[in-house]
Amino acid sequence: MADQEVKPVSNMFENWLQMLVPQPCYDEFFVKHNFFEVVCLKILLSKVLGYAIIVGSVLVKLPQIVKILSAKSGAGISMLSIIMELVAIASAAAYGWAMKYPFSAYGEGIFLMIQTTLIGFFVLIFGGQMALSFVFIGVFGGSIAYLMSPAAPIELLRFLQASNMPVVAVSKFIQIIANYRNGSTGQLSAITLLLLFAGSLARIFTSIQETGDNLIIVTYVVASVCNGLLVLQLVYYWNTGAAAGKKQNKKQQNRKKKQ
């Protein structure tokens, strides 16, 4: 009886392990004990990175949701921006689903969709647009159900995935130009920018390993370049701001001495 109870647990553990180390790499590692097989090490790294990105995506927008609920206001949040973001996330997730790529290659899109939809819903609710908030939920819910169904033509999904490249580039360059004109990165979070840059770089590697799909790979290359420019601006304006701060302090000290 004890052996029968241990077997299902062992099988379950083996199945979970094979999510990170699929066959034939599972046998390579745990049967042949060849832990230095380069191809399998790349697959393992890709899986770990992919699932780490998915875990991170579960929490990434929760602070924004909590902030809206606490303030009971979505002031300053653009619905157009939310809708554009949802189109990009939904098209990427639906394309990955339709192409039957591993969940680790696109899974974060599911959680980001849920959180972004909630943000849009609360922005409309607290903006006094109750009826429109339910229309928004209904239209987006119906759209994603269609895109992830067999009825959606693969040509449409490819077009939507391809359109992510200009959408990502335009949205990022709007921010880059604004930073240049302001001479500052303003309230942009350094942690968020660094995480976005690291995540998009990691996705290039996981996309090569998991999908080999040039459409997805190029999208993440574009995102990485744009995020990298924002990080460079962050460093540049951070140093500029620090230098300006020191200069201002010296001026104040000189004034005090003259007085």
Protein backbone atom coordinates (compact mmCIF):
# COMPACT_ATOMS: atom_id res chain seq x y z
CA MET A 1 0.00 0.00 0.00
CA ALA A 2 2.82 2.38 0.92
CA ASP A 3 4.50 1.74 -2.44
CA GLN A 4 1.24 2.48 -4.26
CA GLU A 5 0.92 5.80 -2.42
CA VAL A 6 4.52 6.78 -3.16
CA LYS A 7 4.24 5.98 -6.87
CA PRO A 8 1.58 8.62 -7.75
CA VAL A 9 3.53 11.25 -5.78
CA SER A 10 6.71 10.25 -7.60
CA ASN A 11 4.95 10.37 -10.97
CA MET A 12 3.46 13.78 -10.19
CA PHE A 13 6.90 15.13 -9.19
CA GLU A 14 8.37 13.68 -12.39
CA ASN A 15 5.65 15.34 -14.50
CA TRP A 16 6.28 18.71 -12.85
CA LEU A 17 10.02 18.31 -13.34
CA GLN A 18 9.51 17.56 -17.03
CA MET A 19 7.88 20.99 -17.42
CA LEU A 20 11.36 22.42 -16.81
CA VAL A 21 13.35 19.55 -18.31
CA PRO A 22 11.35 17.97 -21.17
CA GLN A 23 12.35 14.76 -22.94
CA PRO A 24 14.92 13.75 -24.11
CA CYS A 25 16.76 16.09 -21.71
CA TYR A 26 15.02 14.55 -18.70
CA ASP A 27 16.64 11.18 -19.48
CA GLU A 28 19.92 12.93 -20.31
CA PHE A 29 20.03 14.54 -16.83
CA PHE A 30 18.29 12.04 -14.55
CA VAL A 31 18.89 8.68 -16.23
CA LYS A 32 22.27 9.11 -17.92
CA HIS A 33 23.39 11.75 -15.36
CA ASN A 34 24.91 13.84 -18.14
CA PHE A 35 24.46 17.25 -16.47
CA PHE A 36 26.74 19.12 -18.89
CA GLU A 37 24.79 18.54 -22.12
CA VAL A 38 24.91 22.08 -23.62
CA VAL A 39 21.67 21.85 -25.62
CA CYS A 40 19.75 20.61 -22.57
CA LEU A 41 21.29 23.26 -20.32
CA LYS A 42 20.06 25.93 -22.75
CA ILE A 43 16.56 24.41 -22.69
CA LEU A 44 16.58 24.32 -18.88
CA LEU A 45 17.75 27.95 -18.67
CA SER A 46 15.08 28.99 -21.16
CA LYS A 47 12.34 27.23 -19.18
CA VAL A 48 13.48 28.70 -15.86
CA LEU A 49 13.63 32.22 -17.33
CA GLY A 50 10.25 31.78 -19.02
CA TYR A 51 8.46 30.67 -15.86
CA ALA A 52 10.27 33.34 -13.80
CA ILE A 53 8.91 36.00 -16.16
CA ILE A 54 5.42 34.49 -15.81
CA VAL A 55 5.65 34.51 -11.99
CA GLY A 56 6.80 38.13 -12.09
CA SER A 57 3.91 39.08 -14.38
CA VAL A 58 1.40 37.84 -11.80
CA LEU A 59 2.45 40.66 -9.45
CA VAL A 60 3.75 43.38 -11.75
CA LYS A 61 0.55 45.46 -11.97
CA LEU A 62 -0.96 44.71 -8.57
CA PRO A 63 0.57 47.86 -6.99
CA GLN A 64 -1.17 49.97 -9.68
CA ILE A 65 -4.52 48.25 -9.01
CA VAL A 66 -4.15 48.74 -5.25
CA LYS A 67 -3.27 52.43 -5.79
CA ILE A 68 -6.42 53.01 -7.89
CA LEU A 69 -8.63 51.23 -5.35
CA SER A 70 -7.08 53.10 -2.41
CA ALA A 71 -7.51 56.49 -4.08
CA LYS A 72 -10.85 55.49 -5.67
CA SER A 73 -9.60 57.30 -8.75
CA GLY A 74 -7.90 56.49 -12.04
CA ALA A 75 -6.90 60.11 -12.71
CA GLY A 76 -3.92 60.48 -15.03
CA ILE A 77 -4.28 56.99 -16.53
CA SER A 78 -4.98 57.00 -20.26
CA MET A 79 -7.67 54.59 -21.47
CA LEU A 80 -6.20 54.81 -24.98
CA SER A 81 -2.88 53.60 -23.59
CA ILE A 82 -4.63 50.75 -21.76
CA ILE A 83 -6.51 49.68 -24.89
CA MET A 84 -3.32 49.76 -27.02
CA GLU A 85 -1.50 47.72 -24.39
CA LEU A 86 -4.32 45.17 -24.24
CA VAL A 87 -4.30 44.78 -28.03
CA ALA A 88 -0.53 44.11 -27.96
CA ILE A 89 -0.71 41.67 -25.02
CA ALA A 90 -3.78 39.83 -26.37
CA SER A 91 -2.37 39.44 -29.88
CA ALA A 92 0.93 38.03 -28.54
CA ALA A 93 -0.84 35.58 -26.20
CA ALA A 94 -3.34 34.47 -28.87
CA TYR A 95 -0.54 33.99 -31.43
CA GLY A 96 1.50 31.88 -28.99
CA TRP A 97 -1.60 29.81 -28.15
CA ALA A 98 -2.53 29.28 -31.82
CA MET A 99 1.00 28.25 -32.74
CA LYS A 100 0.98 25.74 -29.85
CA TYR A 101 4.17 27.16 -28.35
CA PRO A 102 5.10 26.14 -24.78
CA PHE A 103 3.20 28.08 -22.09
CA SER A 104 6.54 29.33 -20.75
CA ALA A 105 7.00 31.24 -24.05
CA TYR A 106 3.89 33.44 -23.78
CA GLY A 107 2.12 32.70 -20.46
CA GLU A 108 2.77 36.09 -18.86
CA GLY A 109 0.37 37.58 -21.41
CA ILE A 110 -2.59 35.85 -19.71
CA PHE A 111 -1.86 37.42 -16.31
CA LEU A 112 -0.99 40.82 -17.78
CA MET A 113 -4.30 40.81 -19.69
CA ILE A 114 -6.28 40.14 -16.51
CA GLN A 115 -4.51 42.88 -14.55
CA THR A 116 -4.61 45.46 -17.37
CA THR A 117 -8.32 44.77 -17.96
CA LEU A 118 -9.00 45.33 -14.25
CA ILE A 119 -7.10 48.63 -14.39
CA GLY A 120 -9.21 49.77 -17.36
CA PHE A 121 -12.41 48.64 -15.61
CA PHE A 122 -11.60 50.57 -12.41
CA VAL A 123 -10.51 53.69 -14.33
CA LEU A 124 -13.93 53.77 -16.02
CA ILE A 125 -15.84 52.91 -12.81
CA PHE A 126 -14.18 55.66 -10.75
CA GLY A 127 -14.53 58.02 -13.71
CA GLY A 128 -18.30 57.70 -13.36
CA GLN A 129 -18.70 55.60 -16.52
CA MET A 130 -20.34 52.51 -15.02
CA ALA A 131 -22.15 51.36 -18.18
CA LEU A 132 -19.06 51.86 -20.35
CA SER A 133 -16.95 49.84 -17.91
CA PHE A 134 -19.14 46.75 -18.46
CA VAL A 135 -19.17 47.35 -22.23
CA PHE A 136 -15.35 47.47 -22.08
CA ILE A 137 -15.19 44.15 -20.20
CA GLY A 138 -17.72 42.54 -22.56
CA VAL A 139 -16.05 43.71 -25.78
CA PHE A 140 -12.54 42.75 -24.66
CA GLY A 141 -13.72 39.41 -23.22
CA GLY A 142 -15.50 38.57 -26.48
CA SER A 143 -12.50 39.66 -28.55
CA ILE A 144 -9.99 37.54 -26.64
CA ALA A 145 -12.35 34.55 -26.68
CA TYR A 146 -12.52 34.86 -30.48
CA LEU A 147 -8.76 35.37 -30.94
CA MET A 148 -7.95 32.29 -28.85
CA SER A 149 -10.59 30.14 -30.58
CA PRO A 150 -10.08 27.97 -33.68
CA ALA A 151 -12.29 30.45 -35.60
CA ALA A 152 -9.55 33.11 -35.64
CA PRO A 153 -7.53 32.90 -38.88
CA ILE A 154 -3.81 32.44 -38.32
CA GLU A 155 -3.19 35.20 -40.88
CA LEU A 156 -5.05 37.65 -38.62
CA LEU A 157 -3.02 36.57 -35.59
CA ARG A 158 0.23 36.93 -37.55
CA PHE A 159 -0.81 40.44 -38.62
CA LEU A 160 -1.63 41.42 -35.03
CA GLN A 161 1.67 39.97 -33.78
CA ALA A 162 3.59 41.86 -36.49
CA SER A 163 1.77 45.09 -35.57
CA ASN A 164 3.20 44.80 -32.04
CA MET A 165 6.59 45.95 -33.34
CA PRO A 166 5.51 49.45 -34.47
CA VAL A 167 3.14 49.80 -31.48
CA VAL A 168 5.96 49.04 -29.02
CA ALA A 169 8.45 51.27 -30.88
CA VAL A 170 6.07 54.26 -31.15
CA SER A 171 4.93 54.08 -27.52
CA LYS A 172 8.53 53.86 -26.23
CA PHE A 173 9.84 56.63 -28.50
CA ILE A 174 7.07 58.97 -27.33
CA GLN A 175 8.51 58.54 -23.82
CA ILE A 176 12.13 58.85 -25.03
CA ILE A 177 11.34 62.14 -26.84
CA ALA A 178 9.44 63.45 -23.80
CA ASN A 179 12.47 62.67 -21.59
CA TYR A 180 14.77 64.48 -24.02
CA ARG A 181 12.56 67.57 -24.13
CA ASN A 182 12.17 67.65 -20.35
CA GLY A 183 15.85 66.99 -19.72
CA SER A 184 14.75 64.39 -17.15
CA THR A 185 13.15 60.97 -16.79
CA GLY A 186 10.69 62.49 -14.32
CA GLN A 187 8.74 59.98 -12.25
CA LEU A 188 9.80 56.93 -14.28
CA SER A 189 10.75 54.10 -11.92
CA ALA A 190 14.37 52.95 -12.24
CA ILE A 191 13.44 49.48 -10.97
CA THR A 192 10.58 49.14 -13.48
CA LEU A 193 12.78 50.26 -16.40
CA LEU A 194 15.57 47.85 -15.45
CA LEU A 195 13.13 44.96 -15.02
CA LEU A 196 11.49 45.68 -18.38
CA PHE A 197 14.90 45.82 -20.07
CA ALA A 198 16.07 42.59 -18.41
CA GLY A 199 12.74 40.88 -19.17
CA SER A 200 12.77 41.80 -22.87
CA LEU A 201 16.39 40.63 -23.20
CA ALA A 202 15.52 37.34 -21.50
CA ARG A 203 12.55 36.93 -23.84
CA ILE A 204 14.84 37.10 -26.89
CA PHE A 205 16.72 34.05 -25.57
CA THR A 206 13.57 32.14 -24.51
CA SER A 207 11.86 32.91 -27.84
CA ILE A 208 14.83 31.57 -29.79
CA GLN A 209 14.90 28.41 -27.66
CA GLU A 210 11.14 27.82 -27.28
CA THR A 211 9.70 29.01 -30.61
CA GLY A 212 12.36 29.89 -33.21
CA ASP A 213 9.71 32.30 -34.53
CA ASN A 214 11.38 35.34 -36.12
CA LEU A 215 8.21 37.43 -35.75
CA ILE A 216 8.31 37.04 -31.94
CA ILE A 217 12.11 37.31 -31.70
CA VAL A 218 12.27 40.58 -33.69
CA THR A 219 9.44 42.04 -31.56
CA TYR A 220 11.48 41.43 -28.39
CA VAL A 221 14.65 42.78 -30.07
CA VAL A 222 12.78 46.03 -30.84
CA ALA A 223 11.45 46.15 -27.26
CA SER A 224 14.96 45.55 -25.86
CA VAL A 225 16.49 48.35 -27.96
CA CYS A 226 13.79 50.80 -26.88
CA ASN A 227 13.99 49.76 -23.21
CA GLY A 228 17.79 49.99 -23.41
CA LEU A 229 17.54 53.60 -24.67
CA LEU A 230 15.27 54.46 -21.75
CA VAL A 231 17.76 52.90 -19.30
CA LEU A 232 20.59 54.92 -20.89
CA GLN A 233 18.48 58.08 -20.50
CA LEU A 234 17.85 57.15 -16.87
CA VAL A 235 21.61 56.86 -16.20
CA TYR A 236 22.45 60.03 -18.16
CA TYR A 237 19.82 62.25 -16.55
CA TRP A 238 20.49 60.71 -13.13
CA ASN A 239 24.15 61.85 -13.38
CA THR A 240 23.09 65.21 -14.83
CA GLY A 241 20.63 65.69 -12.00
CA ALA A 242 23.26 64.79 -9.39
CA ALA A 243 25.77 67.24 -10.94
CA ALA A 244 23.14 69.98 -11.09
CA GLY A 245 22.28 69.30 -7.44
CA LYS A 246 25.92 69.68 -6.37
CA LYS A 247 26.24 72.89 -8.37
CA GLN A 248 23.12 74.29 -6.72
CA ASN A 249 24.43 73.40 -3.24
CA LYS A 250 27.73 75.18 -3.95
CA LYS A 251 25.85 78.31 -5.04
CA GLN A 252 23.80 78.28 -1.84
CA GLN A 253 26.94 77.84 0.28
CA ASN A 254 28.65 80.76 -1.48
CA ARG A 255 25.62 82.97 -0.88
CA LYS A 256 25.65 82.12 2.82
CA LYS A 257 29.37 83.00 3.06
CA LYS A 258 28.77 86.39 1.42
CA GLN A 259 25.95 87.10 3.87
